[in-house]
Amino acid sequence: LLTDPVIPCGAILAEHLSLPSVYFLRGVPCGLDFEATQCPNPPSYVPRGFSQLTDHMSFLQRVKNLLFDTQNLFLCGFAIEPYSKLASEFLQREVTVLDLLRKGSVWLLRLEFVLDYPRPLMPNIIPVGGINCGHKE
């Protein structure tokens, strides 16, 4: 099942139908894609989105980056919780969104390392950069 995991309804459906899921995404808010694929993502080295930091940070910039990361823990719980409840009710067992995302077979990541920072990737993650670029004649 090819789906975008930002809204995990496709992941819920793939689990219900016992189909392998292929995720096509740019990134999941709150870093759930890092957590689900178990990619290393330390806030002291990897700049967070919208922090305007680079991969060369001073100590205070690393602290700022960590503070950007901690707010995700609180805000994302509220955003993801309704989908966890929906999945638990639909599948008739206790399940979280993270559990569903961990079952992804292949992650097609729309990253372009010219624009984004290089990051470690797991074997089931395939970068497909430039797929959103239009062709000018």
C-alpha atoms as a PDB file:
ATOM      1  CA  LEU A   1       0.000   0.000   0.000  1.00  0.00           C
ATOM      2  CA  LEU A   2       1.623   3.272  -1.122  1.00  0.00           C
ATOM      3  CA  THR A   3       0.782   6.016   1.365  1.00  0.00           C
ATOM      4  CA  ASP A   4       1.997   9.235   2.950  1.00  0.00           C
ATOM      5  CA  PRO A   5       2.494   8.624   6.689  1.00  0.00           C
ATOM      6  CA  VAL A   6       1.882  12.237   7.763  1.00  0.00           C
ATOM      7  CA  ILE A   7      -1.765  11.266   8.238  1.00  0.00           C
ATOM      8  CA  PRO A   8      -1.526   7.608   9.274  1.00  0.00           C
ATOM      9  CA  CYS A   9      -4.853   6.388   7.856  1.00  0.00           C
ATOM     10  CA  GLY A  10      -3.002   4.492   5.108  1.00  0.00           C
ATOM     11  CA  ALA A  11      -0.798   2.788   7.700  1.00  0.00           C
ATOM     12  CA  ILE A  12      -3.915   1.766   9.656  1.00  0.00           C
ATOM     13  CA  LEU A  13      -5.494   0.346   6.501  1.00  0.00           C
ATOM     14  CA  ALA A  14      -2.309  -1.539   5.560  1.00  0.00           C
ATOM     15  CA  GLU A  15      -2.207  -3.106   9.015  1.00  0.00           C
ATOM     16  CA  HIS A  16      -5.897  -4.066   8.812  1.00  0.00           C
ATOM     17  CA  LEU A  17      -5.498  -5.660   5.363  1.00  0.00           C
ATOM     18  CA  SER A  18      -2.115  -7.227   6.268  1.00  0.00           C
ATOM     19  CA  LEU A  19      -0.436  -5.519   3.317  1.00  0.00           C
ATOM     20  CA  PRO A  20       3.149  -4.254   3.214  1.00  0.00           C
ATOM     21  CA  SER A  21       3.274  -0.481   3.348  1.00  0.00           C
ATOM     22  CA  VAL A  22       5.463   1.800   1.267  1.00  0.00           C
ATOM     23  CA  TYR A  23       5.768   5.331   2.612  1.00  0.00           C
ATOM     24  CA  PHE A  24       6.322   8.242   0.253  1.00  0.00           C
ATOM     25  CA  LEU A  25       7.193  11.331   2.247  1.00  0.00           C
ATOM     26  CA  ARG A  26       9.264  14.451   2.696  1.00  0.00           C
ATOM     27  CA  GLY A  27       9.311  14.141   6.459  1.00  0.00           C
ATOM     28  CA  VAL A  28       6.956  13.380   9.296  1.00  0.00           C
ATOM     29  CA  PRO A  29       6.354  16.132  11.833  1.00  0.00           C
ATOM     30  CA  CYS A  30       7.884  15.587  15.252  1.00  0.00           C
ATOM     31  CA  GLY A  31      10.607  13.320  13.899  1.00  0.00           C
ATOM     32  CA  LEU A  32       8.442  10.210  13.970  1.00  0.00           C
ATOM     33  CA  ASP A  33      10.171   9.019  10.801  1.00  0.00           C
ATOM     34  CA  PHE A  34      13.528   9.037  12.622  1.00  0.00           C
ATOM     35  CA  GLU A  35      12.045   7.203  15.578  1.00  0.00           C
ATOM     36  CA  ALA A  36      10.127   4.638  13.512  1.00  0.00           C
ATOM     37  CA  THR A  37      13.124   3.745  11.344  1.00  0.00           C
ATOM     38  CA  GLN A  38      15.546   3.945  14.297  1.00  0.00           C
ATOM     39  CA  CYS A  39      17.836   6.402  12.501  1.00  0.00           C
ATOM     40  CA  PRO A  40      20.253   8.291  14.736  1.00  0.00           C
ATOM     41  CA  ASN A  41      19.038  11.845  15.245  1.00  0.00           C
ATOM     42  CA  PRO A  42      20.864  13.479  18.166  1.00  0.00           C
ATOM     43  CA  PRO A  43      19.730  17.084  18.739  1.00  0.00           C
ATOM     44  CA  SER A  44      23.283  18.094  19.584  1.00  0.00           C
ATOM     45  CA  TYR A  45      24.422  17.397  16.003  1.00  0.00           C
ATOM     46  CA  VAL A  46      21.417  17.350  13.633  1.00  0.00           C
ATOM     47  CA  PRO A  47      19.800  20.791  13.145  1.00  0.00           C
ATOM     48  CA  ARG A  48      16.041  20.828  13.629  1.00  0.00           C
ATOM     49  CA  GLY A  49      13.651  22.240  11.088  1.00  0.00           C
ATOM     50  CA  PHE A  50      12.853  25.958  11.305  1.00  0.00           C
ATOM     51  CA  SER A  51      15.707  26.513  13.794  1.00  0.00           C
ATOM     52  CA  GLN A  52      17.838  28.245  11.119  1.00  0.00           C
ATOM     53  CA  LEU A  53      20.906  26.416  12.433  1.00  0.00           C
ATOM     54  CA  THR A  54      23.611  24.709  10.405  1.00  0.00           C
ATOM     55  CA  ASP A  55      25.488  21.504  11.083  1.00  0.00           C
ATOM     56  CA  HIS A  56      28.316  23.578  12.635  1.00  0.00           C
ATOM     57  CA  MET A  57      26.882  24.818  15.954  1.00  0.00           C
ATOM     58  CA  SER A  58      28.331  26.438  19.038  1.00  0.00           C
ATOM     59  CA  PHE A  59      27.364  25.193  22.483  1.00  0.00           C
ATOM     60  CA  LEU A  60      24.549  27.747  22.852  1.00  0.00           C
ATOM     61  CA  GLN A  61      23.229  26.889  19.402  1.00  0.00           C
ATOM     62  CA  ARG A  62      23.177  23.220  20.381  1.00  0.00           C
ATOM     63  CA  VAL A  63      21.157  24.132  23.467  1.00  0.00           C
ATOM     64  CA  LYS A  64      18.758  26.104  21.244  1.00  0.00           C
ATOM     65  CA  ASN A  65      18.474  23.080  18.968  1.00  0.00           C
ATOM     66  CA  LEU A  66      17.668  20.868  21.961  1.00  0.00           C
ATOM     67  CA  LEU A  67      14.939  23.300  23.060  1.00  0.00           C
ATOM     68  CA  PHE A  68      13.430  23.138  19.570  1.00  0.00           C
ATOM     69  CA  ASP A  69      13.363  19.367  19.930  1.00  0.00           C
ATOM     70  CA  THR A  70      11.723  19.273  23.377  1.00  0.00           C
ATOM     71  CA  GLN A  71       8.701  21.277  22.280  1.00  0.00           C
ATOM     72  CA  ASN A  72       7.970  18.547  19.719  1.00  0.00           C
ATOM     73  CA  LEU A  73       7.544  16.015  22.517  1.00  0.00           C
ATOM     74  CA  PHE A  74       4.636  17.962  23.982  1.00  0.00           C
ATOM     75  CA  LEU A  75       2.981  19.330  20.853  1.00  0.00           C
ATOM     76  CA  CYS A  76       3.129  16.117  18.858  1.00  0.00           C
ATOM     77  CA  GLY A  77       1.491  14.069  21.564  1.00  0.00           C
ATOM     78  CA  PHE A  78      -1.671  16.109  21.071  1.00  0.00           C
ATOM     79  CA  ALA A  79      -1.522  15.848  17.284  1.00  0.00           C
ATOM     80  CA  ILE A  80      -0.841  12.098  17.120  1.00  0.00           C
ATOM     81  CA  GLU A  81      -3.097  10.909  19.959  1.00  0.00           C
ATOM     82  CA  PRO A  82      -6.380  11.022  17.954  1.00  0.00           C
ATOM     83  CA  TYR A  83      -4.857   8.726  15.326  1.00  0.00           C
ATOM     84  CA  SER A  84      -3.666   6.294  17.996  1.00  0.00           C
ATOM     85  CA  LYS A  85      -7.208   6.149  19.367  1.00  0.00           C
ATOM     86  CA  LEU A  86      -8.619   5.704  15.853  1.00  0.00           C
ATOM     87  CA  ALA A  87      -6.175   2.883  15.103  1.00  0.00           C
ATOM     88  CA  SER A  88      -6.908   1.138  18.412  1.00  0.00           C
ATOM     89  CA  GLU A  89     -10.655   1.314  17.838  1.00  0.00           C
ATOM     90  CA  PHE A  90     -10.456   0.223  14.197  1.00  0.00           C
ATOM     91  CA  LEU A  91      -7.973  -2.617  14.719  1.00  0.00           C
ATOM     92  CA  GLN A  92      -9.637  -3.610  18.023  1.00  0.00           C
ATOM     93  CA  ARG A  93      -6.339  -3.793  19.909  1.00  0.00           C
ATOM     94  CA  GLU A  94      -4.068  -1.316  21.618  1.00  0.00           C
ATOM     95  CA  VAL A  95      -1.712   0.209  19.050  1.00  0.00           C
ATOM     96  CA  THR A  96       0.156   3.489  18.642  1.00  0.00           C
ATOM     97  CA  VAL A  97       1.004   5.436  15.507  1.00  0.00           C
ATOM     98  CA  LEU A  98       4.670   4.697  16.094  1.00  0.00           C
ATOM     99  CA  ASP A  99       3.926   0.952  16.133  1.00  0.00           C
ATOM    100  CA  LEU A 100       2.193   1.290  12.766  1.00  0.00           C
ATOM    101  CA  LEU A 101       5.011   3.336  11.233  1.00  0.00           C
ATOM    102  CA  ARG A 102       7.613   0.817  12.387  1.00  0.00           C
ATOM    103  CA  LYS A 103       5.982  -1.786  10.138  1.00  0.00           C
ATOM    104  CA  GLY A 104       6.778   0.198   6.989  1.00  0.00           C
ATOM    105  CA  SER A 105       8.480  -2.007   4.399  1.00  0.00           C
ATOM    106  CA  VAL A 106      10.073   0.743   2.295  1.00  0.00           C
ATOM    107  CA  TRP A 107      10.404   4.463   2.924  1.00  0.00           C
ATOM    108  CA  LEU A 108      10.721   6.574  -0.249  1.00  0.00           C
ATOM    109  CA  LEU A 109      12.172   9.785   1.153  1.00  0.00           C
ATOM    110  CA  ARG A 110      11.855  12.917  -0.981  1.00  0.00           C
ATOM    111  CA  LEU A 111      15.171  14.352   0.177  1.00  0.00           C
ATOM    112  CA  GLU A 112      17.610  16.295  -1.891  1.00  0.00           C
ATOM    113  CA  PHE A 113      20.978  16.387  -0.153  1.00  0.00           C
ATOM    114  CA  VAL A 114      21.876  19.541  -2.058  1.00  0.00           C
ATOM    115  CA  LEU A 115      19.146  21.368  -0.114  1.00  0.00           C
ATOM    116  CA  ASP A 116      18.869  19.239   3.035  1.00  0.00           C
ATOM    117  CA  TYR A 117      21.504  18.178   5.507  1.00  0.00           C
ATOM    118  CA  PRO A 118      22.926  14.707   4.965  1.00  0.00           C
ATOM    119  CA  ARG A 119      21.593  12.272   7.491  1.00  0.00           C
ATOM    120  CA  PRO A 120      22.085   8.606   8.252  1.00  0.00           C
ATOM    121  CA  LEU A 121      19.638   6.328   6.451  1.00  0.00           C
ATOM    122  CA  MET A 122      18.566   2.803   7.229  1.00  0.00           C
ATOM    123  CA  PRO A 123      18.647   0.119   4.506  1.00  0.00           C
ATOM    124  CA  ASN A 124      14.887   0.306   3.845  1.00  0.00           C
ATOM    125  CA  ILE A 125      15.022   4.078   3.190  1.00  0.00           C
ATOM    126  CA  ILE A 126      15.514   5.131  -0.425  1.00  0.00           C
ATOM    127  CA  PRO A 127      16.145   8.824  -1.177  1.00  0.00           C
ATOM    128  CA  VAL A 128      14.256   9.961  -4.278  1.00  0.00           C
ATOM    129  CA  GLY A 129      15.398  13.578  -4.585  1.00  0.00           C
ATOM    130  CA  GLY A 130      14.208  15.893  -7.326  1.00  0.00           C
ATOM    131  CA  ILE A 131      10.882  14.156  -7.809  1.00  0.00           C
ATOM    132  CA  ASN A 132       8.927  17.353  -7.127  1.00  0.00           C
ATOM    133  CA  CYS A 133      10.894  19.453  -9.629  1.00  0.00           C
ATOM    134  CA  GLY A 134       9.109  20.685 -12.723  1.00  0.00           C
ATOM    135  CA  HIS A 135      10.644  20.567 -16.189  1.00  0.00           C
ATOM    136  CA  LYS A 136      10.958  23.902 -17.989  1.00  0.00           C
ATOM    137  CA  GLU A 137      11.161  23.980 -21.749  1.00  0.00           C
END
